[in-house]
Amino acid sequence: MPPTVYKFEVIEGQEWIFPADDDDYETFSAMDGRVIQDWIAPVMKLDTADRTYSDFPWLGEHAPILKRPAVDALAPVLAEHGQLLPMKGEEVWLFNTTTVLDALDHEQSRIAYFDNGDILDIERHIFRREKIGAAQLFKLPMRASAVYVTDSFVEQVSSAGLRGVSFIRVWTSAEK
């Protein structure tokens, strides 16, 4: 069955997580799909005040952060598509997606570009199904790409009973 593609979506009121040092935001934006060998874990702080528990505290769609239940439930698929990097300050891990697919159909998608030609925003995603193949998690070859997941990953998250995580459908292979 052809995949449906989603990206992580923030839930109103869910826990957020922030680096203690604002300079560390660049660490997350700069992840480009390469394995990180010399990881220096940033100190993170959870914002739980008046917020709903999340196994995936929100930092952004480009940098999934996981708590222990999510790591335990998803370790095999995560290991296949990237690396889990421990953080400091909280018992959480960053998922560095190392599966990078040039799967976006630039001509069919609706894309807003910066003046220099880099992608600012993808308003409508059209993927090339053959490029996705069997990948369950991937990112695009661009700075601060969202982490995209397929329906099989979403089903694993759901069947594991993980809480405080949401996905928004951005493409189904029936779309042209």
N, C-alpha and C. Protein backbone atom coordinates (compact mmCIF):
# COMPACT_ATOMS: atom_id res chain seq x y z
N MET A 1 0.84 -1.19 0.00
CA MET A 1 0.00 0.00 0.00
C MET A 1 0.89 1.25 0.00
N PRO A 2 0.61 2.20 -0.86
CA PRO A 2 1.42 3.42 -0.92
C PRO A 2 1.33 4.20 0.39
N PRO A 3 2.40 4.86 0.75
CA PRO A 3 2.42 5.54 2.05
C PRO A 3 1.63 6.86 2.06
N THR A 4 1.22 7.20 3.26
CA THR A 4 0.74 8.55 3.56
C THR A 4 1.86 9.17 4.38
N VAL A 5 2.14 10.45 4.14
CA VAL A 5 3.26 11.11 4.82
C VAL A 5 2.70 12.17 5.77
N TYR A 6 3.27 12.21 6.96
CA TYR A 6 2.89 13.14 8.01
C TYR A 6 4.12 13.88 8.50
N LYS A 7 3.89 14.94 9.25
CA LYS A 7 4.97 15.52 10.04
C LYS A 7 4.44 15.75 11.45
N PHE A 8 5.35 15.89 12.39
CA PHE A 8 4.96 16.13 13.77
C PHE A 8 4.19 17.44 13.86
N GLU A 9 3.19 17.46 14.73
CA GLU A 9 2.38 18.66 14.92
C GLU A 9 2.28 18.94 16.41
N VAL A 10 2.42 20.19 16.78
CA VAL A 10 2.30 20.56 18.18
C VAL A 10 0.83 20.47 18.60
N ILE A 11 0.62 20.02 19.83
CA ILE A 11 -0.72 19.95 20.40
C ILE A 11 -0.85 21.12 21.37
N GLU A 12 -1.97 21.81 21.31
CA GLU A 12 -2.17 22.92 22.22
C GLU A 12 -2.06 22.43 23.66
N GLY A 13 -1.21 23.09 24.42
CA GLY A 13 -1.05 22.77 25.83
C GLY A 13 -0.07 21.66 26.15
N GLN A 14 0.56 21.06 25.14
CA GLN A 14 1.51 19.98 25.43
C GLN A 14 2.80 20.54 26.01
N GLU A 15 3.56 19.68 26.68
CA GLU A 15 4.86 20.09 27.22
C GLU A 15 5.77 20.56 26.10
N TRP A 16 6.52 21.59 26.39
CA TRP A 16 7.56 22.09 25.49
C TRP A 16 8.90 21.85 26.16
N ILE A 17 9.94 21.86 25.36
CA ILE A 17 11.29 21.74 25.88
C ILE A 17 12.18 22.75 25.18
N PHE A 18 13.07 23.34 25.94
CA PHE A 18 13.93 24.40 25.41
C PHE A 18 15.36 24.17 25.84
N PRO A 19 16.32 24.60 25.01
CA PRO A 19 17.70 24.59 25.49
C PRO A 19 17.89 25.69 26.54
N ALA A 20 18.68 25.39 27.57
CA ALA A 20 18.93 26.38 28.62
C ALA A 20 19.70 27.58 28.06
N ASP A 21 20.52 27.32 27.06
CA ASP A 21 21.31 28.36 26.41
C ASP A 21 20.74 28.61 25.01
N ASP A 22 20.29 29.82 24.73
CA ASP A 22 19.69 30.14 23.43
C ASP A 22 20.61 29.84 22.25
N ASP A 23 21.92 29.88 22.47
CA ASP A 23 22.86 29.59 21.39
C ASP A 23 22.71 28.15 20.88
N ASP A 24 22.14 27.27 21.71
CA ASP A 24 22.00 25.87 21.31
C ASP A 24 20.88 25.64 20.30
N TYR A 25 20.03 26.62 20.06
CA TYR A 25 19.00 26.46 19.02
C TYR A 25 19.64 26.16 17.67
N GLU A 26 20.79 26.74 17.42
CA GLU A 26 21.49 26.52 16.15
C GLU A 26 21.87 25.05 15.98
N THR A 27 22.19 24.37 17.08
CA THR A 27 22.52 22.94 17.03
C THR A 27 21.39 22.16 16.36
N PHE A 28 20.15 22.49 16.72
CA PHE A 28 19.00 21.76 16.19
C PHE A 28 18.69 22.15 14.75
N SER A 29 18.83 23.41 14.42
CA SER A 29 18.55 23.87 13.05
C SER A 29 19.59 23.37 12.06
N ALA A 30 20.81 23.17 12.53
CA ALA A 30 21.91 22.80 11.64
C ALA A 30 21.95 21.31 11.31
N MET A 31 21.12 20.50 11.96
CA MET A 31 21.15 19.07 11.67
C MET A 31 20.74 18.84 10.22
N ASP A 32 21.60 18.16 9.47
CA ASP A 32 21.37 18.04 8.03
C ASP A 32 21.33 16.59 7.55
N GLY A 33 21.14 15.67 8.49
CA GLY A 33 21.04 14.27 8.10
C GLY A 33 22.31 13.48 8.29
N ARG A 34 23.39 14.17 8.61
CA ARG A 34 24.65 13.45 8.86
C ARG A 34 24.67 12.89 10.28
N VAL A 35 25.33 11.75 10.43
CA VAL A 35 25.55 11.19 11.77
C VAL A 35 26.43 12.16 12.54
N ILE A 36 26.07 12.42 13.78
CA ILE A 36 26.85 13.33 14.62
C ILE A 36 27.79 12.48 15.47
N GLN A 37 29.08 12.62 15.24
CA GLN A 37 30.09 11.83 15.95
C GLN A 37 30.54 12.50 17.25
N ASP A 38 30.60 13.82 17.23
CA ASP A 38 31.17 14.56 18.36
C ASP A 38 30.07 15.30 19.12
N TRP A 39 29.02 14.57 19.50
CA TRP A 39 27.85 15.15 20.14
C TRP A 39 28.19 15.78 21.48
N ILE A 40 27.86 17.04 21.63
CA ILE A 40 27.97 17.73 22.91
C ILE A 40 26.53 18.05 23.31
N ALA A 41 26.04 17.32 24.29
CA ALA A 41 24.63 17.41 24.66
C ALA A 41 24.29 18.77 25.28
N PRO A 42 23.32 19.47 24.70
CA PRO A 42 22.86 20.71 25.31
C PRO A 42 22.05 20.42 26.57
N VAL A 43 22.06 21.36 27.47
CA VAL A 43 21.22 21.28 28.67
C VAL A 43 19.82 21.74 28.28
N MET A 44 18.82 20.91 28.59
CA MET A 44 17.44 21.20 28.21
C MET A 44 16.59 21.42 29.46
N LYS A 45 15.53 22.18 29.29
CA LYS A 45 14.58 22.44 30.37
C LYS A 45 13.17 22.19 29.86
N LEU A 46 12.44 21.32 30.57
CA LEU A 46 11.04 21.05 30.23
C LEU A 46 10.16 22.15 30.79
N ASP A 47 9.19 22.57 30.00
CA ASP A 47 8.16 23.49 30.49
C ASP A 47 6.90 22.66 30.70
N THR A 48 6.63 22.32 31.96
CA THR A 48 5.49 21.48 32.30
C THR A 48 4.38 22.26 32.99
N ALA A 49 4.61 23.52 33.32
CA ALA A 49 3.62 24.31 34.06
C ALA A 49 2.32 24.44 33.26
N ASP A 50 1.25 23.95 33.83
CA ASP A 50 -0.08 24.02 33.19
C ASP A 50 -0.06 23.39 31.80
N ARG A 51 0.75 22.37 31.61
CA ARG A 51 0.84 21.71 30.30
C ARG A 51 0.53 20.22 30.45
N THR A 52 0.14 19.62 29.34
CA THR A 52 -0.21 18.21 29.29
C THR A 52 1.03 17.38 29.04
N TYR A 53 1.15 16.25 29.75
CA TYR A 53 2.28 15.34 29.59
C TYR A 53 2.45 14.95 28.13
N SER A 54 3.71 14.83 27.69
CA SER A 54 4.00 14.39 26.34
C SER A 54 5.22 13.48 26.34
N ASP A 55 5.11 12.35 25.62
CA ASP A 55 6.27 11.48 25.41
C ASP A 55 7.20 12.08 24.36
N PHE A 56 6.72 13.15 23.68
CA PHE A 56 7.49 13.88 22.67
C PHE A 56 7.40 15.38 22.97
N PRO A 57 8.06 15.86 24.04
CA PRO A 57 7.96 17.31 24.32
C PRO A 57 8.37 18.13 23.11
N TRP A 58 7.66 19.21 22.87
CA TRP A 58 7.80 19.97 21.62
C TRP A 58 8.98 20.92 21.63
N LEU A 59 9.85 20.76 20.64
CA LEU A 59 10.90 21.74 20.33
C LEU A 59 10.68 22.27 18.92
N GLY A 60 10.21 21.40 18.03
CA GLY A 60 9.93 21.79 16.66
C GLY A 60 9.79 20.56 15.79
N GLU A 61 9.20 20.75 14.62
CA GLU A 61 8.96 19.62 13.71
C GLU A 61 10.25 19.08 13.12
N HIS A 62 11.33 19.83 13.25
CA HIS A 62 12.63 19.43 12.69
C HIS A 62 13.51 18.68 13.69
N ALA A 63 13.10 18.66 14.96
CA ALA A 63 13.95 18.09 16.00
C ALA A 63 13.10 17.33 17.02
N PRO A 64 12.68 16.10 16.70
CA PRO A 64 11.88 15.34 17.66
C PRO A 64 12.67 15.03 18.93
N ILE A 65 12.04 15.32 20.05
CA ILE A 65 12.61 15.03 21.36
C ILE A 65 11.74 13.93 21.97
N LEU A 66 12.37 12.90 22.53
CA LEU A 66 11.64 11.76 23.05
C LEU A 66 11.98 11.50 24.51
N LYS A 67 10.97 11.13 25.27
CA LYS A 67 11.16 10.65 26.64
C LYS A 67 11.34 9.13 26.59
N ARG A 68 11.70 8.55 27.72
CA ARG A 68 12.01 7.12 27.83
C ARG A 68 10.93 6.21 27.23
N PRO A 69 9.61 6.41 27.51
CA PRO A 69 8.62 5.48 26.92
C PRO A 69 8.66 5.46 25.39
N ALA A 70 8.89 6.60 24.76
CA ALA A 70 8.96 6.66 23.30
C ALA A 70 10.23 5.98 22.79
N VAL A 71 11.34 6.21 23.47
CA VAL A 71 12.60 5.57 23.08
C VAL A 71 12.46 4.05 23.17
N ASP A 72 11.91 3.56 24.29
CA ASP A 72 11.77 2.12 24.48
C ASP A 72 10.85 1.50 23.43
N ALA A 73 9.75 2.17 23.12
CA ALA A 73 8.76 1.62 22.19
C ALA A 73 9.22 1.66 20.73
N LEU A 74 10.02 2.66 20.39
CA LEU A 74 10.33 2.91 18.98
C LEU A 74 11.80 2.66 18.62
N ALA A 75 12.59 2.15 19.54
CA ALA A 75 14.04 2.01 19.33
C ALA A 75 14.41 1.31 18.02
N PRO A 76 13.77 0.19 17.64
CA PRO A 76 14.19 -0.48 16.40
C PRO A 76 14.02 0.39 15.15
N VAL A 77 12.87 1.03 14.99
CA VAL A 77 12.64 1.85 13.80
C VAL A 77 13.50 3.12 13.85
N LEU A 78 13.71 3.66 15.03
CA LEU A 78 14.55 4.85 15.15
C LEU A 78 16.00 4.53 14.77
N ALA A 79 16.49 3.38 15.22
CA ALA A 79 17.87 2.99 14.90
C ALA A 79 18.06 2.80 13.39
N GLU A 80 17.01 2.41 12.70
CA GLU A 80 17.08 2.20 11.26
C GLU A 80 17.17 3.52 10.49
N HIS A 81 16.65 4.60 11.07
CA HIS A 81 16.55 5.87 10.34
C HIS A 81 17.30 7.04 10.97
N GLY A 82 18.11 6.76 11.99
CA GLY A 82 18.84 7.86 12.59
C GLY A 82 19.53 7.46 13.87
N GLN A 83 19.78 8.45 14.69
CA GLN A 83 20.46 8.19 15.96
C GLN A 83 19.77 8.95 17.08
N LEU A 84 19.75 8.30 18.24
CA LEU A 84 19.22 8.93 19.45
C LEU A 84 20.39 9.54 20.20
N LEU A 85 20.28 10.83 20.49
CA LEU A 85 21.36 11.55 21.17
C LEU A 85 20.86 12.01 22.53
N PRO A 86 21.56 11.62 23.60
CA PRO A 86 21.11 12.01 24.93
C PRO A 86 21.28 13.51 25.15
N MET A 87 20.40 14.05 25.97
CA MET A 87 20.46 15.47 26.33
C MET A 87 20.84 15.56 27.81
N LYS A 88 21.15 16.75 28.24
CA LYS A 88 21.44 17.00 29.66
C LYS A 88 20.29 17.80 30.27
N GLY A 89 20.18 17.73 31.58
CA GLY A 89 19.18 18.53 32.28
C GLY A 89 17.84 17.83 32.46
N GLU A 90 17.45 17.03 31.49
CA GLU A 90 16.21 16.25 31.53
C GLU A 90 16.53 14.88 30.94
N GLU A 91 15.75 13.86 31.31
CA GLU A 91 15.96 12.54 30.72
C GLU A 91 15.20 12.47 29.41
N VAL A 92 15.80 13.03 28.37
CA VAL A 92 15.23 13.06 27.03
C VAL A 92 16.33 12.83 26.01
N TRP A 93 15.90 12.45 24.80
CA TRP A 93 16.82 12.21 23.70
C TRP A 93 16.35 12.98 22.48
N LEU A 94 17.30 13.45 21.71
CA LEU A 94 17.03 14.06 20.42
C LEU A 94 17.13 12.97 19.38
N PHE A 95 16.17 12.93 18.45
CA PHE A 95 16.29 12.00 17.34
C PHE A 95 16.87 12.74 16.16
N ASN A 96 18.08 12.36 15.77
CA ASN A 96 18.76 12.93 14.61
C ASN A 96 18.46 12.03 13.42
N THR A 97 17.57 12.48 12.56
CA THR A 97 17.16 11.71 11.39
C THR A 97 18.29 11.72 10.37
N THR A 98 18.78 10.52 10.04
CA THR A 98 19.87 10.43 9.07
C THR A 98 19.40 9.85 7.73
N THR A 99 18.12 9.56 7.62
CA THR A 99 17.56 9.17 6.33
C THR A 99 17.12 10.45 5.63
N VAL A 100 17.87 10.84 4.62
CA VAL A 100 17.59 12.07 3.87
C VAL A 100 17.19 11.65 2.46
N LEU A 101 15.99 12.04 2.06
CA LEU A 101 15.48 11.65 0.75
C LEU A 101 15.14 12.89 -0.06
N ASP A 102 15.63 12.93 -1.27
CA ASP A 102 15.27 14.01 -2.19
C ASP A 102 13.95 13.59 -2.86
N ALA A 103 12.89 13.55 -2.05
CA ALA A 103 11.62 12.96 -2.48
C ALA A 103 10.57 13.99 -2.86
N LEU A 104 10.84 15.26 -2.62
CA LEU A 104 9.85 16.30 -2.90
C LEU A 104 9.82 16.60 -4.40
N ASP A 105 8.64 16.59 -4.98
CA ASP A 105 8.46 16.99 -6.37
C ASP A 105 8.31 18.51 -6.38
N HIS A 106 9.39 19.19 -6.69
CA HIS A 106 9.42 20.66 -6.62
C HIS A 106 8.45 21.31 -7.61
N GLU A 107 8.23 20.69 -8.73
CA GLU A 107 7.35 21.28 -9.73
C GLU A 107 5.88 21.16 -9.35
N GLN A 108 5.51 20.06 -8.71
CA GLN A 108 4.11 19.84 -8.35
C GLN A 108 3.75 20.42 -6.98
N SER A 109 4.73 20.54 -6.10
CA SER A 109 4.49 21.09 -4.76
C SER A 109 4.31 22.60 -4.85
N ARG A 110 3.75 23.19 -3.81
CA ARG A 110 3.66 24.65 -3.72
C ARG A 110 4.68 25.07 -2.66
N ILE A 111 5.71 25.78 -3.11
CA ILE A 111 6.86 26.10 -2.27
C ILE A 111 7.11 27.60 -2.28
N ALA A 112 7.35 28.16 -1.11
CA ALA A 112 7.79 29.56 -0.99
C ALA A 112 9.31 29.53 -0.81
N TYR A 113 10.00 30.36 -1.58
CA TYR A 113 11.46 30.39 -1.57
C TYR A 113 11.99 31.70 -0.99
N PHE A 114 13.17 31.60 -0.36
CA PHE A 114 13.93 32.80 -0.01
C PHE A 114 14.49 33.38 -1.31
N ASP A 115 14.96 34.61 -1.27
CA ASP A 115 15.56 35.25 -2.44
C ASP A 115 16.76 34.47 -2.98
N ASN A 116 17.48 33.76 -2.08
CA ASN A 116 18.67 33.02 -2.52
C ASN A 116 18.33 31.65 -3.11
N GLY A 117 17.03 31.30 -3.17
CA GLY A 117 16.62 30.04 -3.76
C GLY A 117 16.38 28.92 -2.76
N ASP A 118 16.77 29.12 -1.50
CA ASP A 118 16.49 28.12 -0.47
C ASP A 118 14.99 28.10 -0.17
N ILE A 119 14.52 26.97 0.33
CA ILE A 119 13.10 26.82 0.64
C ILE A 119 12.78 27.53 1.96
N LEU A 120 11.79 28.41 1.92
CA LEU A 120 11.28 29.08 3.11
C LEU A 120 10.19 28.23 3.74
N ASP A 121 9.23 27.76 2.91
CA ASP A 121 8.10 26.99 3.43
C ASP A 121 7.55 26.12 2.30
N ILE A 122 7.06 24.96 2.69
CA ILE A 122 6.38 24.08 1.74
C ILE A 122 4.90 24.15 2.08
N GLU A 123 4.15 24.81 1.23
CA GLU A 123 2.73 25.04 1.49
C GLU A 123 1.88 23.84 1.07
N ARG A 124 2.33 23.12 0.06
CA ARG A 124 1.65 21.90 -0.39
C ARG A 124 2.72 20.91 -0.82
N HIS A 125 2.73 19.77 -0.15
CA HIS A 125 3.72 18.73 -0.42
C HIS A 125 3.21 17.76 -1.48
N ILE A 126 4.03 17.50 -2.47
CA ILE A 126 3.82 16.39 -3.39
C ILE A 126 5.16 15.63 -3.42
N PHE A 127 5.09 14.38 -3.00
CA PHE A 127 6.30 13.55 -2.95
C PHE A 127 6.34 12.60 -4.13
N ARG A 128 7.54 12.16 -4.45
CA ARG A 128 7.73 11.11 -5.45
C ARG A 128 7.79 9.79 -4.66
N ARG A 129 6.72 9.03 -4.82
CA ARG A 129 6.53 7.80 -4.04
C ARG A 129 7.74 6.87 -4.13
N GLU A 130 8.31 6.74 -5.32
CA GLU A 130 9.43 5.81 -5.50
C GLU A 130 10.65 6.24 -4.70
N LYS A 131 10.77 7.51 -4.39
CA LYS A 131 11.91 7.99 -3.59
C LYS A 131 11.73 7.66 -2.11
N ILE A 132 10.48 7.58 -1.65
CA ILE A 132 10.22 7.27 -0.24
C ILE A 132 10.47 5.79 0.04
N GLY A 133 10.06 4.94 -0.89
CA GLY A 133 10.29 3.51 -0.72
C GLY A 133 9.72 3.00 0.59
N ALA A 134 10.54 2.29 1.35
CA ALA A 134 10.11 1.70 2.62
C ALA A 134 10.47 2.57 3.83
N ALA A 135 10.99 3.76 3.59
CA ALA A 135 11.39 4.62 4.71
C ALA A 135 10.18 4.96 5.59
N GLN A 136 10.38 4.91 6.89
CA GLN A 136 9.32 5.28 7.83
C GLN A 136 9.53 6.65 8.43
N LEU A 137 10.76 7.12 8.44
CA LEU A 137 11.10 8.47 8.89
C LEU A 137 12.15 9.01 7.93
N PHE A 138 12.03 10.28 7.58
CA PHE A 138 13.02 10.89 6.71
C PHE A 138 12.93 12.40 6.81
N LYS A 139 13.95 13.04 6.29
CA LYS A 139 13.92 14.49 6.14
C LYS A 139 14.34 14.81 4.73
N LEU A 140 14.09 16.03 4.32
CA LEU A 140 14.47 16.49 2.98
C LEU A 140 15.87 17.10 3.02
N PRO A 141 16.57 17.14 1.90
CA PRO A 141 17.92 17.72 1.88
C PRO A 141 17.88 19.24 1.89
N MET A 142 17.47 19.81 3.02
CA MET A 142 17.43 21.26 3.19
C MET A 142 17.62 21.58 4.67
N ARG A 143 18.09 22.76 4.93
CA ARG A 143 18.33 23.19 6.31
C ARG A 143 17.04 23.17 7.11
N ALA A 144 17.10 22.63 8.32
CA ALA A 144 15.98 22.60 9.26
C ALA A 144 14.73 21.94 8.67
N SER A 145 14.95 20.91 7.84
CA SER A 145 13.82 20.17 7.29
C SER A 145 12.98 19.58 8.42
N ALA A 146 11.68 19.58 8.22
CA ALA A 146 10.81 18.83 9.12
C ALA A 146 11.21 17.36 9.04
N VAL A 147 10.91 16.62 10.09
CA VAL A 147 11.04 15.17 10.06
C VAL A 147 9.70 14.64 9.59
N TYR A 148 9.72 13.90 8.50
CA TYR A 148 8.50 13.32 7.94
C TYR A 148 8.42 11.86 8.36
N VAL A 149 7.20 11.39 8.58
CA VAL A 149 6.97 10.00 8.97
C VAL A 149 5.86 9.43 8.10
N THR A 150 5.87 8.12 7.95
CA THR A 150 4.82 7.48 7.17
C THR A 150 3.78 6.86 8.10
N ASP A 151 2.69 6.41 7.50
CA ASP A 151 1.59 5.87 8.29
C ASP A 151 2.02 4.69 9.16
N SER A 152 2.99 3.89 8.72
CA SER A 152 3.42 2.77 9.55
C SER A 152 4.07 3.25 10.86
N PHE A 153 4.80 4.36 10.82
CA PHE A 153 5.38 4.93 12.04
C PHE A 153 4.27 5.48 12.93
N VAL A 154 3.32 6.18 12.36
CA VAL A 154 2.20 6.73 13.13
C VAL A 154 1.45 5.60 13.83
N GLU A 155 1.26 4.48 13.14
CA GLU A 155 0.58 3.32 13.73
C GLU A 155 1.39 2.74 14.89
N GLN A 156 2.71 2.70 14.77
CA GLN A 156 3.54 2.19 15.86
C GLN A 156 3.44 3.08 17.09
N VAL A 157 3.43 4.39 16.88
CA VAL A 157 3.28 5.33 18.00
C VAL A 157 1.94 5.11 18.68
N SER A 158 0.90 4.96 17.89
CA SER A 158 -0.44 4.76 18.43
C SER A 158 -0.56 3.43 19.18
N SER A 159 -0.08 2.35 18.57
CA SER A 159 -0.22 1.04 19.21
C SER A 159 0.64 0.92 20.47
N ALA A 160 1.69 1.73 20.57
CA ALA A 160 2.52 1.73 21.79
C ALA A 160 1.87 2.54 22.91
N GLY A 161 0.78 3.24 22.60
CA GLY A 161 0.08 4.03 23.62
C GLY A 161 0.84 5.28 24.04
N LEU A 162 1.69 5.78 23.16
CA LEU A 162 2.47 6.97 23.51
C LEU A 162 1.54 8.18 23.57
N ARG A 163 1.83 9.06 24.51
CA ARG A 163 0.92 10.17 24.79
C ARG A 163 1.53 11.51 24.42
N GLY A 164 0.63 12.46 24.13
CA GLY A 164 1.05 13.83 23.89
C GLY A 164 1.83 14.00 22.61
N VAL A 165 1.45 13.27 21.57
CA VAL A 165 2.11 13.41 20.27
C VAL A 165 1.03 13.44 19.20
N SER A 166 1.24 14.28 18.21
CA SER A 166 0.27 14.40 17.13
C SER A 166 1.01 14.55 15.80
N PHE A 167 0.34 14.11 14.75
CA PHE A 167 0.89 14.21 13.41
C PHE A 167 -0.14 14.86 12.51
N ILE A 168 0.32 15.62 11.54
CA ILE A 168 -0.56 16.21 10.55
C ILE A 168 -0.22 15.60 9.20
N ARG A 169 -1.24 15.14 8.48
CA ARG A 169 -1.03 14.54 7.17
C ARG A 169 -0.66 15.65 6.20
N VAL A 170 0.44 15.45 5.48
CA VAL A 170 0.86 16.44 4.49
C VAL A 170 0.75 15.91 3.07
N TRP A 171 0.62 14.58 2.91
CA TRP A 171 0.52 14.02 1.56
C TRP A 171 0.07 12.58 1.62
N THR A 172 -0.76 12.22 0.66
CA THR A 172 -1.09 10.82 0.43
C THR A 172 -0.80 10.55 -1.04
N SER A 173 -0.41 9.33 -1.34
CA SER A 173 0.04 9.04 -2.70
C SER A 173 -1.08 9.17 -3.72
N ALA A 174 -2.31 9.31 -3.28
CA ALA A 174 -3.42 9.54 -4.21
C ALA A 174 -3.40 10.99 -4.74
N GLU A 175 -2.69 11.87 -4.04
CA GLU A 175 -2.62 13.28 -4.44
C GLU A 175 -1.64 13.45 -5.60
N LYS A 176 -2.00 14.29 -6.52
CA LYS A 176 -1.11 14.60 -7.63
C LYS A 176 -0.96 16.09 -7.77
